Amino acid sequence: MDVKSKIGIRIKELREQKNMSQKDLAYSADLDRSYIASVENGQRNISIVNIEKVSTALGVTLKEFFNNGKFDNNSTGS
């Protein structure tokens, strides 16, 4: 699995845990809903700046965002 897919899955997991819609997350992170959707689907390469916006909107630190088994290995699978 490539890193874009891993990040998208992680965002979706955290968003669903917070019972947020993509629209709610987009509004809170000051991003477009279609951008959030494409990131969650692994279709878009999200910048670290936008990862920080998303993690803040989800109420988690960057450390908490990446503290997940999906990011344990160094291989991105590109």
N, C-alpha and C. Protein backbone atom coordinates (compact mmCIF):
# COMPACT_ATOMS: atom_id res chain seq x y z
N MET A 1 0.85 -1.18 0.00
CA MET A 1 0.00 0.00 0.00
C MET A 1 0.89 1.24 0.00
N ASP A 2 0.58 2.20 -0.84
CA ASP A 2 1.40 3.41 -0.90
C ASP A 2 1.05 4.38 0.23
N VAL A 3 1.94 5.33 0.45
CA VAL A 3 1.79 6.25 1.57
C VAL A 3 0.55 7.14 1.42
N LYS A 4 0.17 7.50 0.20
CA LYS A 4 -1.04 8.31 0.01
C LYS A 4 -2.26 7.56 0.50
N SER A 5 -2.33 6.27 0.21
CA SER A 5 -3.46 5.46 0.67
C SER A 5 -3.45 5.31 2.18
N LYS A 6 -2.27 5.11 2.77
CA LYS A 6 -2.17 4.96 4.22
C LYS A 6 -2.65 6.23 4.94
N ILE A 7 -2.24 7.39 4.43
CA ILE A 7 -2.65 8.65 5.04
C ILE A 7 -4.15 8.85 4.87
N GLY A 8 -4.65 8.56 3.69
CA GLY A 8 -6.09 8.70 3.46
C GLY A 8 -6.92 7.82 4.37
N ILE A 9 -6.50 6.58 4.54
CA ILE A 9 -7.21 5.67 5.44
C ILE A 9 -7.16 6.18 6.87
N ARG A 10 -6.00 6.69 7.28
CA ARG A 10 -5.86 7.21 8.65
C ARG A 10 -6.77 8.41 8.87
N ILE A 11 -6.85 9.31 7.92
CA ILE A 11 -7.74 10.47 8.05
C ILE A 11 -9.19 10.00 8.17
N LYS A 12 -9.58 9.07 7.33
CA LYS A 12 -10.95 8.58 7.37
C LYS A 12 -11.26 7.91 8.70
N GLU A 13 -10.32 7.09 9.21
CA GLU A 13 -10.51 6.44 10.52
C GLU A 13 -10.73 7.47 11.62
N LEU A 14 -9.86 8.46 11.68
CA LEU A 14 -9.96 9.47 12.73
C LEU A 14 -11.24 10.31 12.57
N ARG A 15 -11.57 10.64 11.34
CA ARG A 15 -12.78 11.42 11.07
C ARG A 15 -14.03 10.67 11.52
N GLU A 16 -14.08 9.38 11.19
CA GLU A 16 -15.25 8.57 11.58
C GLU A 16 -15.31 8.37 13.10
N GLN A 17 -14.15 8.26 13.76
CA GLN A 17 -14.13 8.15 15.22
C GLN A 17 -14.73 9.39 15.87
N LYS A 18 -14.54 10.55 15.23
CA LYS A 18 -15.07 11.82 15.74
C LYS A 18 -16.49 12.09 15.24
N ASN A 19 -17.05 11.13 14.49
CA ASN A 19 -18.39 11.29 13.91
C ASN A 19 -18.52 12.57 13.09
N MET A 20 -17.48 12.83 12.30
CA MET A 20 -17.47 14.01 11.44
C MET A 20 -17.72 13.59 10.00
N SER A 21 -18.41 14.42 9.27
CA SER A 21 -18.55 14.21 7.83
C SER A 21 -17.33 14.82 7.14
N GLN A 22 -17.15 14.48 5.88
CA GLN A 22 -16.07 15.10 5.12
C GLN A 22 -16.28 16.61 5.06
N LYS A 23 -17.52 17.03 4.95
CA LYS A 23 -17.84 18.45 4.91
C LYS A 23 -17.44 19.14 6.21
N ASP A 24 -17.74 18.51 7.35
CA ASP A 24 -17.37 19.07 8.65
C ASP A 24 -15.86 19.20 8.78
N LEU A 25 -15.15 18.15 8.39
CA LEU A 25 -13.70 18.16 8.48
C LEU A 25 -13.12 19.23 7.56
N ALA A 26 -13.62 19.31 6.35
CA ALA A 26 -13.13 20.30 5.39
C ALA A 26 -13.32 21.71 5.94
N TYR A 27 -14.48 21.97 6.51
CA TYR A 27 -14.76 23.30 7.07
C TYR A 27 -13.80 23.60 8.22
N SER A 28 -13.62 22.66 9.12
CA SER A 28 -12.76 22.86 10.29
C SER A 28 -11.29 23.03 9.90
N ALA A 29 -10.87 22.36 8.83
CA ALA A 29 -9.48 22.41 8.39
C ALA A 29 -9.24 23.51 7.34
N ASP A 30 -10.30 24.21 6.95
CA ASP A 30 -10.23 25.24 5.92
C ASP A 30 -9.71 24.66 4.60
N LEU A 31 -10.29 23.52 4.22
CA LEU A 31 -9.97 22.85 2.96
C LEU A 31 -11.27 22.52 2.24
N ASP A 32 -11.18 22.17 0.98
CA ASP A 32 -12.36 21.83 0.20
C ASP A 32 -12.80 20.39 0.47
N ARG A 33 -14.11 20.13 0.50
CA ARG A 33 -14.61 18.79 0.76
C ARG A 33 -14.15 17.79 -0.29
N SER A 34 -14.11 18.21 -1.55
CA SER A 34 -13.66 17.30 -2.60
C SER A 34 -12.17 16.97 -2.45
N TYR A 35 -11.41 17.89 -1.90
CA TYR A 35 -9.99 17.64 -1.62
C TYR A 35 -9.87 16.56 -0.54
N ILE A 36 -10.65 16.70 0.53
CA ILE A 36 -10.65 15.69 1.61
C ILE A 36 -11.02 14.33 1.04
N ALA A 37 -12.04 14.28 0.21
CA ALA A 37 -12.48 13.01 -0.39
C ALA A 37 -11.37 12.38 -1.22
N SER A 38 -10.70 13.18 -2.03
CA SER A 38 -9.65 12.62 -2.89
C SER A 38 -8.43 12.18 -2.07
N VAL A 39 -8.14 12.86 -0.97
CA VAL A 39 -7.05 12.43 -0.09
C VAL A 39 -7.43 11.11 0.59
N GLU A 40 -8.65 11.03 1.11
CA GLU A 40 -9.11 9.79 1.77
C GLU A 40 -9.08 8.60 0.81
N ASN A 41 -9.31 8.85 -0.45
CA ASN A 41 -9.31 7.78 -1.45
C ASN A 41 -7.92 7.49 -2.01
N GLY A 42 -6.90 8.17 -1.49
CA GLY A 42 -5.53 7.94 -1.94
C GLY A 42 -5.23 8.46 -3.33
N GLN A 43 -6.07 9.37 -3.80
CA GLN A 43 -5.91 9.90 -5.15
C GLN A 43 -5.10 11.19 -5.19
N ARG A 44 -4.86 11.76 -4.03
CA ARG A 44 -4.20 13.06 -3.97
C ARG A 44 -3.03 13.01 -3.01
N ASN A 45 -1.99 13.72 -3.35
CA ASN A 45 -0.80 13.81 -2.51
C ASN A 45 -0.96 15.00 -1.57
N ILE A 46 -1.19 14.75 -0.29
CA ILE A 46 -1.44 15.81 0.68
C ILE A 46 -0.11 16.33 1.24
N SER A 47 -0.02 17.64 1.39
CA SER A 47 1.20 18.25 1.93
C SER A 47 1.22 18.10 3.45
N ILE A 48 2.39 18.25 4.03
CA ILE A 48 2.51 18.17 5.48
C ILE A 48 1.76 19.33 6.14
N VAL A 49 1.69 20.46 5.47
CA VAL A 49 0.93 21.61 5.99
C VAL A 49 -0.55 21.23 6.11
N ASN A 50 -1.08 20.57 5.09
CA ASN A 50 -2.49 20.17 5.13
C ASN A 50 -2.73 19.00 6.08
N ILE A 51 -1.73 18.13 6.25
CA ILE A 51 -1.86 17.07 7.27
C ILE A 51 -1.98 17.71 8.64
N GLU A 52 -1.20 18.76 8.88
CA GLU A 52 -1.29 19.46 10.17
C GLU A 52 -2.66 20.10 10.35
N LYS A 53 -3.20 20.73 9.30
CA LYS A 53 -4.54 21.33 9.37
C LYS A 53 -5.59 20.27 9.69
N VAL A 54 -5.50 19.13 9.02
CA VAL A 54 -6.45 18.05 9.22
C VAL A 54 -6.33 17.47 10.63
N SER A 55 -5.11 17.23 11.07
CA SER A 55 -4.93 16.65 12.41
C SER A 55 -5.43 17.61 13.48
N THR A 56 -5.18 18.90 13.31
CA THR A 56 -5.69 19.90 14.27
C THR A 56 -7.21 19.89 14.28
N ALA A 57 -7.82 19.84 13.10
CA ALA A 57 -9.29 19.80 13.00
C ALA A 57 -9.86 18.54 13.64
N LEU A 58 -9.08 17.46 13.61
CA LEU A 58 -9.51 16.19 14.21
C LEU A 58 -9.16 16.10 15.70
N GLY A 59 -8.44 17.09 16.20
CA GLY A 59 -8.10 17.12 17.62
C GLY A 59 -6.99 16.17 18.02
N VAL A 60 -6.08 15.87 17.07
CA VAL A 60 -4.95 15.00 17.38
C VAL A 60 -3.65 15.71 16.99
N THR A 61 -2.58 15.37 17.67
CA THR A 61 -1.27 15.91 17.31
C THR A 61 -0.74 15.15 16.10
N LEU A 62 0.29 15.70 15.48
CA LEU A 62 0.93 14.98 14.37
C LEU A 62 1.49 13.66 14.85
N LYS A 63 2.02 13.63 16.06
CA LYS A 63 2.54 12.38 16.62
C LYS A 63 1.43 11.35 16.73
N GLU A 64 0.27 11.77 17.23
CA GLU A 64 -0.87 10.85 17.35
C GLU A 64 -1.35 10.41 15.97
N PHE A 65 -1.33 11.34 15.01
CA PHE A 65 -1.77 11.00 13.66
C PHE A 65 -0.92 9.87 13.08
N PHE A 66 0.39 9.99 13.23
CA PHE A 66 1.29 8.99 12.65
C PHE A 66 1.58 7.82 13.58
N ASN A 67 1.09 7.87 14.81
CA ASN A 67 1.29 6.77 15.76
C ASN A 67 0.25 5.70 15.49
N ASN A 68 0.49 4.96 14.42
CA ASN A 68 -0.47 3.98 13.95
C ASN A 68 0.31 2.88 13.25
N GLY A 69 -0.14 1.67 13.33
CA GLY A 69 0.55 0.54 12.72
C GLY A 69 0.78 0.67 11.23
N LYS A 70 -0.04 1.46 10.54
CA LYS A 70 0.10 1.62 9.09
C LYS A 70 1.43 2.26 8.71
N PHE A 71 2.02 3.02 9.65
CA PHE A 71 3.23 3.77 9.33
C PHE A 71 4.48 3.15 9.95
N ASP A 72 4.39 1.91 10.43
CA ASP A 72 5.51 1.29 11.13
C ASP A 72 6.68 0.96 10.23
N ASN A 73 6.45 0.54 9.00
CA ASN A 73 7.59 0.19 8.15
C ASN A 73 8.02 1.39 7.34
N ASN A 74 9.23 1.34 6.82
CA ASN A 74 9.79 2.45 6.06
C ASN A 74 9.42 2.41 4.58
N SER A 75 8.82 1.33 4.15
CA SER A 75 8.48 1.18 2.74
C SER A 75 7.19 1.93 2.44
N THR A 76 7.19 2.73 1.39
CA THR A 76 5.99 3.45 0.98
C THR A 76 5.20 2.68 -0.05
N GLY A 77 5.78 1.65 -0.61
CA GLY A 77 5.08 0.83 -1.58
C GLY A 77 4.78 1.54 -2.88
N SER A 78 5.55 2.59 -3.21
CA SER A 78 5.28 3.34 -4.42
C SER A 78 5.58 2.48 -5.57
